Amino acid sequence: MSVISVNSVNFNEEVINSSKPVLVDLWATWCGPCRMMAPVLDEIASEHPEVKVCKINVDEEPELARSFRVSAIPTVALIKNGKVVDSFVGFKPKSHIKSMLV
């Protein structure tokens, strides 16, 4: 599955009401660690079809960023049944992200 771009219009449909767990990446184009995280999340998306991977650009969606209480980026949150069950800030290796999915 490919990474899905999420905004305030499709947030509820893609994230809150998802039947699958959702890994949400809150990022910005100017953020170096965010750019490092992108290929890792692309790999997770293609290797784990049981999880939906979504990206939210914090510059374009400041209200969504506030709802996640983003204080630094990248912020990555795992959402199950509409609730955040795990999260981290900054670049993390693929192994760390995969361990969140179990």
PDB file of N, CA and C in Angstrom:
ATOM      1  N   MET A   1       0.844  -1.172   0.000  1.00  0.00           N
ATOM      2  CA  MET A   1       0.000   0.000   0.000  1.00  0.00           C
ATOM      3  C   MET A   1       0.892   1.237   0.000  1.00  0.00           C
ATOM      4  N   SER A   2       0.464   2.258  -0.676  1.00  0.00           N
ATOM      5  CA  SER A   2       1.266   3.473  -0.717  1.00  0.00           C
ATOM      6  C   SER A   2       0.889   4.399   0.442  1.00  0.00           C
ATOM      7  N   VAL A   3       1.745   5.370   0.676  1.00  0.00           N
ATOM      8  CA  VAL A   3       1.517   6.342   1.730  1.00  0.00           C
ATOM      9  C   VAL A   3       0.407   7.291   1.289  1.00  0.00           C
ATOM     10  N   ILE A   4      -0.505   7.605   2.194  1.00  0.00           N
ATOM     11  CA  ILE A   4      -1.665   8.441   1.886  1.00  0.00           C
ATOM     12  C   ILE A   4      -1.452   9.829   2.470  1.00  0.00           C
ATOM     13  N   SER A   5      -1.662  10.852   1.660  1.00  0.00           N
ATOM     14  CA  SER A   5      -1.584  12.222   2.134  1.00  0.00           C
ATOM     15  C   SER A   5      -2.910  12.583   2.790  1.00  0.00           C
ATOM     16  N   VAL A   6      -2.830  13.073   4.027  1.00  0.00           N
ATOM     17  CA  VAL A   6      -4.037  13.357   4.797  1.00  0.00           C
ATOM     18  C   VAL A   6      -4.125  14.854   5.085  1.00  0.00           C
ATOM     19  N   ASN A   7      -5.353  15.366   5.017  1.00  0.00           N
ATOM     20  CA  ASN A   7      -5.618  16.757   5.369  1.00  0.00           C
ATOM     21  C   ASN A   7      -6.899  16.803   6.193  1.00  0.00           C
ATOM     22  N   SER A   8      -7.339  17.992   6.518  1.00  0.00           N
ATOM     23  CA  SER A   8      -8.525  18.120   7.373  1.00  0.00           C
ATOM     24  C   SER A   8      -9.781  17.565   6.709  1.00  0.00           C
ATOM     25  N   VAL A   9      -9.807  17.506   5.383  1.00  0.00           N
ATOM     26  CA  VAL A   9     -10.979  16.998   4.666  1.00  0.00           C
ATOM     27  C   VAL A   9     -11.104  15.480   4.794  1.00  0.00           C
ATOM     28  N   ASN A  10      -9.982  14.756   4.641  1.00  0.00           N
ATOM     29  CA  ASN A  10     -10.059  13.290   4.652  1.00  0.00           C
ATOM     30  C   ASN A  10      -9.539  12.649   5.939  1.00  0.00           C
ATOM     31  N   PHE A  11      -9.208  13.450   6.955  1.00  0.00           N
ATOM     32  CA  PHE A  11      -8.636  12.929   8.191  1.00  0.00           C
ATOM     33  C   PHE A  11      -9.536  11.888   8.864  1.00  0.00           C
ATOM     34  N   ASN A  12     -10.789  12.215   9.086  1.00  0.00           N
ATOM     35  CA  ASN A  12     -11.684  11.262   9.766  1.00  0.00           C
ATOM     36  C   ASN A  12     -11.810   9.965   8.989  1.00  0.00           C
ATOM     37  N   GLU A  13     -11.985  10.073   7.682  1.00  0.00           N
ATOM     38  CA  GLU A  13     -12.148   8.874   6.853  1.00  0.00           C
ATOM     39  C   GLU A  13     -10.891   8.006   6.861  1.00  0.00           C
ATOM     40  N   GLU A  14      -9.730   8.623   6.655  1.00  0.00           N
ATOM     41  CA  GLU A  14      -8.485   7.861   6.512  1.00  0.00           C
ATOM     42  C   GLU A  14      -7.865   7.429   7.839  1.00  0.00           C
ATOM     43  N   VAL A  15      -8.053   8.221   8.896  1.00  0.00           N
ATOM     44  CA  VAL A  15      -7.359   7.945  10.159  1.00  0.00           C
ATOM     45  C   VAL A  15      -8.325   7.486  11.252  1.00  0.00           C
ATOM     46  N   ILE A  16      -9.234   8.334  11.638  1.00  0.00           N
ATOM     47  CA  ILE A  16     -10.106   8.037  12.780  1.00  0.00           C
ATOM     48  C   ILE A  16     -11.006   6.830  12.513  1.00  0.00           C
ATOM     49  N   ASN A  17     -11.591   6.752  11.325  1.00  0.00           N
ATOM     50  CA  ASN A  17     -12.536   5.673  11.018  1.00  0.00           C
ATOM     51  C   ASN A  17     -11.902   4.483  10.307  1.00  0.00           C
ATOM     52  N   SER A  18     -10.579   4.413  10.277  1.00  0.00           N
ATOM     53  CA  SER A  18      -9.891   3.322   9.587  1.00  0.00           C
ATOM     54  C   SER A  18     -10.109   1.991  10.306  1.00  0.00           C
ATOM     55  N   SER A  19     -10.347   0.950   9.529  1.00  0.00           N
ATOM     56  CA  SER A  19     -10.472  -0.388  10.115  1.00  0.00           C
ATOM     57  C   SER A  19      -9.090  -0.987  10.416  1.00  0.00           C
ATOM     58  N   LYS A  20      -8.044  -0.398   9.849  1.00  0.00           N
ATOM     59  CA  LYS A  20      -6.665  -0.852  10.078  1.00  0.00           C
ATOM     60  C   LYS A  20      -5.970   0.104  11.044  1.00  0.00           C
ATOM     61  N   PRO A  21      -4.922  -0.366  11.720  1.00  0.00           N
ATOM     62  CA  PRO A  21      -4.079   0.573  12.463  1.00  0.00           C
ATOM     63  C   PRO A  21      -3.472   1.579  11.482  1.00  0.00           C
ATOM     64  N   VAL A  22      -3.272   2.812  11.956  1.00  0.00           N
ATOM     65  CA  VAL A  22      -2.753   3.878  11.089  1.00  0.00           C
ATOM     66  C   VAL A  22      -1.486   4.459  11.706  1.00  0.00           C
ATOM     67  N   LEU A  23      -0.429   4.504  10.900  1.00  0.00           N
ATOM     68  CA  LEU A  23       0.810   5.156  11.291  1.00  0.00           C
ATOM     69  C   LEU A  23       0.774   6.545  10.662  1.00  0.00           C
ATOM     70  N   VAL A  24       0.726   7.583  11.486  1.00  0.00           N
ATOM     71  CA  VAL A  24       0.618   8.957  10.991  1.00  0.00           C
ATOM     72  C   VAL A  24       1.953   9.656  11.166  1.00  0.00           C
ATOM     73  N   ASP A  25       2.464  10.200  10.064  1.00  0.00           N
ATOM     74  CA  ASP A  25       3.716  10.946  10.064  1.00  0.00           C
ATOM     75  C   ASP A  25       3.378  12.425   9.937  1.00  0.00           C
ATOM     76  N   LEU A  26       3.682  13.203  10.971  1.00  0.00           N
ATOM     77  CA  LEU A  26       3.491  14.653  10.921  1.00  0.00           C
ATOM     78  C   LEU A  26       4.841  15.252  10.566  1.00  0.00           C
ATOM     79  N   TRP A  27       4.912  15.948   9.443  1.00  0.00           N
ATOM     80  CA  TRP A  27       6.187  16.330   8.854  1.00  0.00           C
ATOM     81  C   TRP A  27       6.099  17.703   8.185  1.00  0.00           C
ATOM     82  N   ALA A  28       7.235  18.187   7.679  1.00  0.00           N
ATOM     83  CA  ALA A  28       7.294  19.416   6.880  1.00  0.00           C
ATOM     84  C   ALA A  28       8.384  19.260   5.823  1.00  0.00           C
ATOM     85  N   THR A  29       8.216  19.966   4.714  1.00  0.00           N
ATOM     86  CA  THR A  29       9.157  19.849   3.593  1.00  0.00           C
ATOM     87  C   THR A  29      10.559  20.332   3.955  1.00  0.00           C
ATOM     88  N   TRP A  30      10.667  21.296   4.868  1.00  0.00           N
ATOM     89  CA  TRP A  30      11.954  21.881   5.226  1.00  0.00           C
ATOM     90  C   TRP A  30      12.706  21.101   6.310  1.00  0.00           C
ATOM     91  N   CYS A  31      12.109  20.037   6.813  1.00  0.00           N
ATOM     92  CA  CYS A  31      12.654  19.285   7.950  1.00  0.00           C
ATOM     93  C   CYS A  31      13.562  18.146   7.471  1.00  0.00           C
ATOM     94  N   GLY A  32      14.849  18.234   7.806  1.00  0.00           N
ATOM     95  CA  GLY A  32      15.810  17.203   7.405  1.00  0.00           C
ATOM     96  C   GLY A  32      15.474  15.813   7.936  1.00  0.00           C
ATOM     97  N   PRO A  33      15.238  15.664   9.248  1.00  0.00           N
ATOM     98  CA  PRO A  33      14.879  14.347   9.764  1.00  0.00           C
ATOM     99  C   PRO A  33      13.580  13.799   9.144  1.00  0.00           C
ATOM    100  N   CYS A  34      12.669  14.698   8.780  1.00  0.00           N
ATOM    101  CA  CYS A  34      11.426  14.265   8.117  1.00  0.00           C
ATOM    102  C   CYS A  34      11.753  13.637   6.757  1.00  0.00           C
ATOM    103  N   ARG A  35      12.680  14.273   6.030  1.00  0.00           N
ATOM    104  CA  ARG A  35      13.069  13.736   4.720  1.00  0.00           C
ATOM    105  C   ARG A  35      13.790  12.405   4.878  1.00  0.00           C
ATOM    106  N   MET A  36      14.532  12.228   5.977  1.00  0.00           N
ATOM    107  CA  MET A  36      15.199  10.945   6.244  1.00  0.00           C
ATOM    108  C   MET A  36      14.162   9.862   6.578  1.00  0.00           C
ATOM    109  N   MET A  37      13.088  10.248   7.236  1.00  0.00           N
ATOM    110  CA  MET A  37      12.062   9.302   7.660  1.00  0.00           C
ATOM    111  C   MET A  37      11.203   8.822   6.482  1.00  0.00           C
ATOM    112  N   ALA A  38      11.044   9.660   5.462  1.00  0.00           N
ATOM    113  CA  ALA A  38      10.134   9.348   4.357  1.00  0.00           C
ATOM    114  C   ALA A  38      10.390   7.988   3.699  1.00  0.00           C
ATOM    115  N   PRO A  39      11.633   7.648   3.296  1.00  0.00           N
ATOM    116  CA  PRO A  39      11.836   6.343   2.657  1.00  0.00           C
ATOM    117  C   PRO A  39      11.590   5.169   3.607  1.00  0.00           C
ATOM    118  N   VAL A  40      11.851   5.373   4.900  1.00  0.00           N
ATOM    119  CA  VAL A  40      11.592   4.320   5.883  1.00  0.00           C
ATOM    120  C   VAL A  40      10.092   4.045   5.955  1.00  0.00           C
ATOM    121  N   LEU A  41       9.296   5.103   5.994  1.00  0.00           N
ATOM    122  CA  LEU A  41       7.848   4.929   6.050  1.00  0.00           C
ATOM    123  C   LEU A  41       7.292   4.364   4.743  1.00  0.00           C
ATOM    124  N   ASP A  42       7.921   4.721   3.615  1.00  0.00           N
ATOM    125  CA  ASP A  42       7.522   4.126   2.330  1.00  0.00           C
ATOM    126  C   ASP A  42       7.728   2.614   2.371  1.00  0.00           C
ATOM    127  N   GLU A  43       8.855   2.180   2.936  1.00  0.00           N
ATOM    128  CA  GLU A  43       9.130   0.742   3.055  1.00  0.00           C
ATOM    129  C   GLU A  43       8.113   0.069   3.968  1.00  0.00           C
ATOM    130  N   ILE A  44       7.820   0.696   5.101  1.00  0.00           N
ATOM    131  CA  ILE A  44       6.819   0.141   6.029  1.00  0.00           C
ATOM    132  C   ILE A  44       5.485  -0.014   5.303  1.00  0.00           C
ATOM    133  N   ALA A  45       5.095   0.994   4.547  1.00  0.00           N
ATOM    134  CA  ALA A  45       3.818   0.964   3.823  1.00  0.00           C
ATOM    135  C   ALA A  45       3.774  -0.189   2.825  1.00  0.00           C
ATOM    136  N   SER A  46       4.877  -0.431   2.118  1.00  0.00           N
ATOM    137  CA  SER A  46       4.865  -1.498   1.114  1.00  0.00           C
ATOM    138  C   SER A  46       5.019  -2.886   1.728  1.00  0.00           C
ATOM    139  N   GLU A  47       5.697  -2.980   2.871  1.00  0.00           N
ATOM    140  CA  GLU A  47       5.932  -4.285   3.501  1.00  0.00           C
ATOM    141  C   GLU A  47       4.842  -4.706   4.482  1.00  0.00           C
ATOM    142  N   HIS A  48       4.011  -3.764   4.915  1.00  0.00           N
ATOM    143  CA  HIS A  48       2.992  -4.058   5.936  1.00  0.00           C
ATOM    144  C   HIS A  48       1.610  -3.588   5.486  1.00  0.00           C
ATOM    145  N   PRO A  49       0.962  -4.371   4.614  1.00  0.00           N
ATOM    146  CA  PRO A  49      -0.362  -3.963   4.114  1.00  0.00           C
ATOM    147  C   PRO A  49      -1.435  -3.948   5.198  1.00  0.00           C
ATOM    148  N   GLU A  50      -1.132  -4.543   6.344  1.00  0.00           N
ATOM    149  CA  GLU A  50      -2.101  -4.552   7.449  1.00  0.00           C
ATOM    150  C   GLU A  50      -2.141  -3.217   8.192  1.00  0.00           C
ATOM    151  N   VAL A  51      -1.228  -2.305   7.831  1.00  0.00           N
ATOM    152  CA  VAL A  51      -1.164  -0.985   8.452  1.00  0.00           C
ATOM    153  C   VAL A  51      -1.286   0.082   7.373  1.00  0.00           C
ATOM    154  N   LYS A  52      -2.043   1.123   7.658  1.00  0.00           N
ATOM    155  CA  LYS A  52      -2.160   2.256   6.748  1.00  0.00           C
ATOM    156  C   LYS A  52      -1.142   3.300   7.187  1.00  0.00           C
ATOM    157  N   VAL A  53      -0.356   3.820   6.235  1.00  0.00           N
ATOM    158  CA  VAL A  53       0.622   4.858   6.542  1.00  0.00           C
ATOM    159  C   VAL A  53       0.136   6.168   5.929  1.00  0.00           C
ATOM    160  N   CYS A  54       0.002   7.189   6.766  1.00  0.00           N
ATOM    161  CA  CYS A  54      -0.504   8.487   6.330  1.00  0.00           C
ATOM    162  C   CYS A  54       0.480   9.586   6.702  1.00  0.00           C
ATOM    163  N   LYS A  55       0.519  10.642   5.886  1.00  0.00           N
ATOM    164  CA  LYS A  55       1.387  11.787   6.141  1.00  0.00           C
ATOM    165  C   LYS A  55       0.527  13.041   6.254  1.00  0.00           C
ATOM    166  N   ILE A  56       0.867  13.871   7.247  1.00  0.00           N
ATOM    167  CA  ILE A  56       0.195  15.158   7.425  1.00  0.00           C
ATOM    168  C   ILE A  56       1.272  16.243   7.422  1.00  0.00           C
ATOM    169  N   ASN A  57       1.181  17.158   6.471  1.00  0.00           N
ATOM    170  CA  ASN A  57       2.119  18.276   6.393  1.00  0.00           C
ATOM    171  C   ASN A  57       1.696  19.313   7.428  1.00  0.00           C
ATOM    172  N   VAL A  58       2.545  19.533   8.443  1.00  0.00           N
ATOM    173  CA  VAL A  58       2.173  20.415   9.555  1.00  0.00           C
ATOM    174  C   VAL A  58       2.040  21.881   9.132  1.00  0.00           C
ATOM    175  N   ASP A  59       2.736  22.268   8.077  1.00  0.00           N
ATOM    176  CA  ASP A  59       2.613  23.651   7.590  1.00  0.00           C
ATOM    177  C   ASP A  59       1.272  23.880   6.902  1.00  0.00           C
ATOM    178  N   GLU A  60       0.785  22.850   6.216  1.00  0.00           N
ATOM    179  CA  GLU A  60      -0.489  22.964   5.507  1.00  0.00           C
ATOM    180  C   GLU A  60      -1.685  22.655   6.400  1.00  0.00           C
ATOM    181  N   GLU A  61      -1.461  21.916   7.485  1.00  0.00           N
ATOM    182  CA  GLU A  61      -2.550  21.484   8.374  1.00  0.00           C
ATOM    183  C   GLU A  61      -2.212  21.776   9.847  1.00  0.00           C
ATOM    184  N   PRO A  62      -2.077  23.065  10.198  1.00  0.00           N
ATOM    185  CA  PRO A  62      -1.691  23.394  11.577  1.00  0.00           C
ATOM    186  C   PRO A  62      -2.710  22.934  12.625  1.00  0.00           C
ATOM    187  N   GLU A  63      -3.984  22.917  12.284  1.00  0.00           N
ATOM    188  CA  GLU A  63      -4.994  22.465  13.248  1.00  0.00           C
ATOM    189  C   GLU A  63      -4.813  20.975  13.573  1.00  0.00           C
ATOM    190  N   LEU A  64      -4.551  20.163  12.549  1.00  0.00           N
ATOM    191  CA  LEU A  64      -4.313  18.737  12.786  1.00  0.00           C
ATOM    192  C   LEU A  64      -3.043  18.554  13.621  1.00  0.00           C
ATOM    193  N   ALA A  65      -2.011  19.333  13.314  1.00  0.00           N
ATOM    194  CA  ALA A  65      -0.764  19.240  14.096  1.00  0.00           C
ATOM    195  C   ALA A  65      -1.042  19.572  15.561  1.00  0.00           C
ATOM    196  N   ARG A  66      -1.839  20.600  15.802  1.00  0.00           N
ATOM    197  CA  ARG A  66      -2.186  20.954  17.189  1.00  0.00           C
ATOM    198  C   ARG A  66      -2.969  19.840  17.869  1.00  0.00           C
ATOM    199  N   SER A  67      -3.836  19.176  17.115  1.00  0.00           N
ATOM    200  CA  SER A  67      -4.637  18.103  17.718  1.00  0.00           C
ATOM    201  C   SER A  67      -3.754  16.936  18.176  1.00  0.00           C
ATOM    202  N   PHE A  68      -2.575  16.787  17.551  1.00  0.00           N
ATOM    203  CA  PHE A  68      -1.615  15.754  17.955  1.00  0.00           C
ATOM    204  C   PHE A  68      -0.603  16.301  18.966  1.00  0.00           C
ATOM    205  N   ARG A  69      -0.756  17.571  19.354  1.00  0.00           N
ATOM    206  CA  ARG A  69       0.154  18.237  20.293  1.00  0.00           C
ATOM    207  C   ARG A  69       1.607  18.163  19.813  1.00  0.00           C
ATOM    208  N   VAL A  70       1.800  18.415  18.520  1.00  0.00           N
ATOM    209  CA  VAL A  70       3.135  18.355  17.934  1.00  0.00           C
ATOM    210  C   VAL A  70       3.981  19.514  18.463  1.00  0.00           C
ATOM    211  N   SER A  71       5.116  19.169  19.059  1.00  0.00           N
ATOM    212  CA  SER A  71       6.050  20.189  19.529  1.00  0.00           C
ATOM    213  C   SER A  71       7.352  20.152  18.737  1.00  0.00           C
ATOM    214  N   ALA A  72       7.592  19.047  18.045  1.00  0.00           N
ATOM    215  CA  ALA A  72       8.766  18.884  17.191  1.00  0.00           C
ATOM    216  C   ALA A  72       8.406  17.870  16.106  1.00  0.00           C
ATOM    217  N   ILE A  73       9.125  17.955  14.991  1.00  0.00           N
ATOM    218  CA  ILE A  73       8.853  17.021  13.894  1.00  0.00           C
ATOM    219  C   ILE A  73      10.151  16.351  13.473  1.00  0.00           C
ATOM    220  N   PRO A  74      10.052  15.173  12.877  1.00  0.00           N
ATOM    221  CA  PRO A  74       8.816  14.437  12.654  1.00  0.00           C
ATOM    222  C   PRO A  74       8.235  13.886  13.962  1.00  0.00           C
ATOM    223  N   THR A  75       6.922  13.889  14.018  1.00  0.00           N
ATOM    224  CA  THR A  75       6.195  13.184  15.059  1.00  0.00           C
ATOM    225  C   THR A  75       5.448  12.061  14.365  1.00  0.00           C
ATOM    226  N   VAL A  76       5.611  10.851  14.851  1.00  0.00           N
ATOM    227  CA  VAL A  76       4.927   9.695  14.261  1.00  0.00           C
ATOM    228  C   VAL A  76       4.051   9.079  15.343  1.00  0.00           C
ATOM    229  N   ALA A  77       2.774   8.865  14.997  1.00  0.00           N
ATOM    230  CA  ALA A  77       1.823   8.303  15.955  1.00  0.00           C
ATOM    231  C   ALA A  77       1.180   7.059  15.363  1.00  0.00           C
ATOM    232  N   LEU A  78       0.980   6.066  16.208  1.00  0.00           N
ATOM    233  CA  LEU A  78       0.244   4.867  15.814  1.00  0.00           C
ATOM    234  C   LEU A  78      -1.162   4.989  16.392  1.00  0.00           C
ATOM    235  N   ILE A  79      -2.152   4.894  15.514  1.00  0.00           N
ATOM    236  CA  ILE A  79      -3.547   5.060  15.914  1.00  0.00           C
ATOM    237  C   ILE A  79      -4.300   3.766  15.655  1.00  0.00           C
ATOM    238  N   LYS A  80      -4.984   3.303  16.689  1.00  0.00           N
ATOM    239  CA  LYS A  80      -5.839   2.112  16.565  1.00  0.00           C
ATOM    240  C   LYS A  80      -7.216   2.485  17.085  1.00  0.00           C
ATOM    241  N   ASN A  81      -8.231   2.151  16.316  1.00  0.00           N
ATOM    242  CA  ASN A  81      -9.612   2.453  16.700  1.00  0.00           C
ATOM    243  C   ASN A  81      -9.795   3.923  17.064  1.00  0.00           C
ATOM    244  N   GLY A  82      -9.146   4.808  16.294  1.00  0.00           N
ATOM    245  CA  GLY A  82      -9.310   6.240  16.478  1.00  0.00           C
ATOM    246  C   GLY A  82      -8.536   6.845  17.632  1.00  0.00           C
ATOM    247  N   LYS A  83      -7.703   6.054  18.325  1.00  0.00           N
ATOM    248  CA  LYS A  83      -6.954   6.543  19.489  1.00  0.00           C
ATOM    249  C   LYS A  83      -5.452   6.359  19.285  1.00  0.00           C
ATOM    250  N   VAL A  84      -4.672   7.342  19.720  1.00  0.00           N
ATOM    251  CA  VAL A  84      -3.212   7.222  19.667  1.00  0.00           C
ATOM    252  C   VAL A  84      -2.783   6.217  20.739  1.00  0.00           C
ATOM    253  N   VAL A  85      -2.087   5.151  20.307  1.00  0.00           N
ATOM    254  CA  VAL A  85      -1.630   4.118  21.241  1.00  0.00           C
ATOM    255  C   VAL A  85      -0.112   4.138  21.439  1.00  0.00           C
ATOM    256  N   ASP A  86       0.608   4.811  20.548  1.00  0.00           N
ATOM    257  CA  ASP A  86       2.059   4.922  20.667  1.00  0.00           C
ATOM    258  C   ASP A  86       2.508   6.076  19.780  1.00  0.00           C
ATOM    259  N   SER A  87       3.637   6.680  20.123  1.00  0.00           N
ATOM    260  CA  SER A  87       4.165   7.759  19.286  1.00  0.00           C
ATOM    261  C   SER A  87       5.636   7.989  19.615  1.00  0.00           C
ATOM    262  N   PHE A  88       6.310   8.709  18.720  1.00  0.00           N
ATOM    263  CA  PHE A  88       7.686   9.122  18.969  1.00  0.00           C
ATOM    264  C   PHE A  88       7.967  10.386  18.179  1.00  0.00           C
ATOM    265  N   VAL A  89       9.044  11.067  18.576  1.00  0.00           N
ATOM    266  CA  VAL A  89       9.468  12.296  17.910  1.00  0.00           C
ATOM    267  C   VAL A  89      10.891  12.091  17.421  1.00  0.00           C
ATOM    268  N   GLY A  90      11.169  12.591  16.211  1.00  0.00           N
ATOM    269  CA  GLY A  90      12.513  12.488  15.651  1.00  0.00           C
ATOM    270  C   GLY A  90      12.662  11.257  14.772  1.00  0.00           C
ATOM    271  N   PHE A  91      13.813  11.150  14.135  1.00  0.00           N
ATOM    272  CA  PHE A  91      14.074  10.003  13.270  1.00  0.00           C
ATOM    273  C   PHE A  91      14.293   8.753  14.110  1.00  0.00           C
ATOM    274  N   LYS A  92      13.657   7.670  13.705  1.00  0.00           N
ATOM    275  CA  LYS A  92      13.871   6.366  14.337  1.00  0.00           C
ATOM    276  C   LYS A  92      14.109   5.351  13.215  1.00  0.00           C
ATOM    277  N   PRO A  93      14.902   4.310  13.485  1.00  0.00           N
ATOM    278  CA  PRO A  93      15.144   3.293  12.471  1.00  0.00           C
ATOM    279  C   PRO A  93      13.895   2.453  12.214  1.00  0.00           C
ATOM    280  N   LYS A  94      13.908   1.805  11.093  1.00  0.00           N
ATOM    281  CA  LYS A  94      12.786   0.954  10.680  1.00  0.00           C
ATOM    282  C   LYS A  94      12.456  -0.094  11.747  1.00  0.00           C
ATOM    283  N   SER A  95      13.477  -0.656  12.386  1.00  0.00           N
ATOM    284  CA  SER A  95      13.240  -1.689  13.399  1.00  0.00           C
ATOM    285  C   SER A  95      12.404  -1.157  14.557  1.00  0.00           C
ATOM    286  N   HIS A  96      12.627   0.094  14.934  1.00  0.00           N
ATOM    287  CA  HIS A  96      11.837   0.704  16.014  1.00  0.00           C
ATOM    288  C   HIS A  96      10.373   0.824  15.595  1.00  0.00           C
ATOM    289  N   ILE A  97      10.145   1.271  14.383  1.00  0.00           N
ATOM    290  CA  ILE A  97       8.767   1.451  13.899  1.00  0.00           C
ATOM    291  C   ILE A  97       8.077   0.097  13.799  1.00  0.00           C
ATOM    292  N   LYS A  98       8.783  -0.893  13.275  1.00  0.00           N
ATOM    293  CA  LYS A  98       8.180  -2.244  13.163  1.00  0.00           C
ATOM    294  C   LYS A  98       7.822  -2.794  14.534  1.00  0.00           C
ATOM    295  N   SER A  99       8.622  -2.499  15.553  1.00  0.00           N
ATOM    296  CA  SER A  99       8.322  -3.008  16.894  1.00  0.00           C
ATOM    297  C   SER A  99       7.045  -2.374  17.453  1.00  0.00           C
ATOM    298  N   MET A 100       6.699  -1.190  16.995  1.00  0.00           N
ATOM    299  CA  MET A 100       5.449  -0.532  17.413  1.00  0.00           C
ATOM    300  C   MET A 100       4.221  -1.260  16.849  1.00  0.00           C
ATOM    301  N   LEU A 101       4.409  -1.906  15.718  1.00  0.00           N
ATOM    302  CA  LEU A 101       3.274  -2.484  14.997  1.00  0.00           C
ATOM    303  C   LEU A 101       2.795  -3.806  15.559  1.00  0.00           C
ATOM    304  N   VAL A 102       3.593  -4.426  16.442  1.00  0.00           N
ATOM    305  CA  VAL A 102       3.215  -5.746  16.953  1.00  0.00           C
ATOM    306  C   VAL A 102       2.160  -5.673  18.027  1.00  0.00           C
TER     307      VAL A 102
END
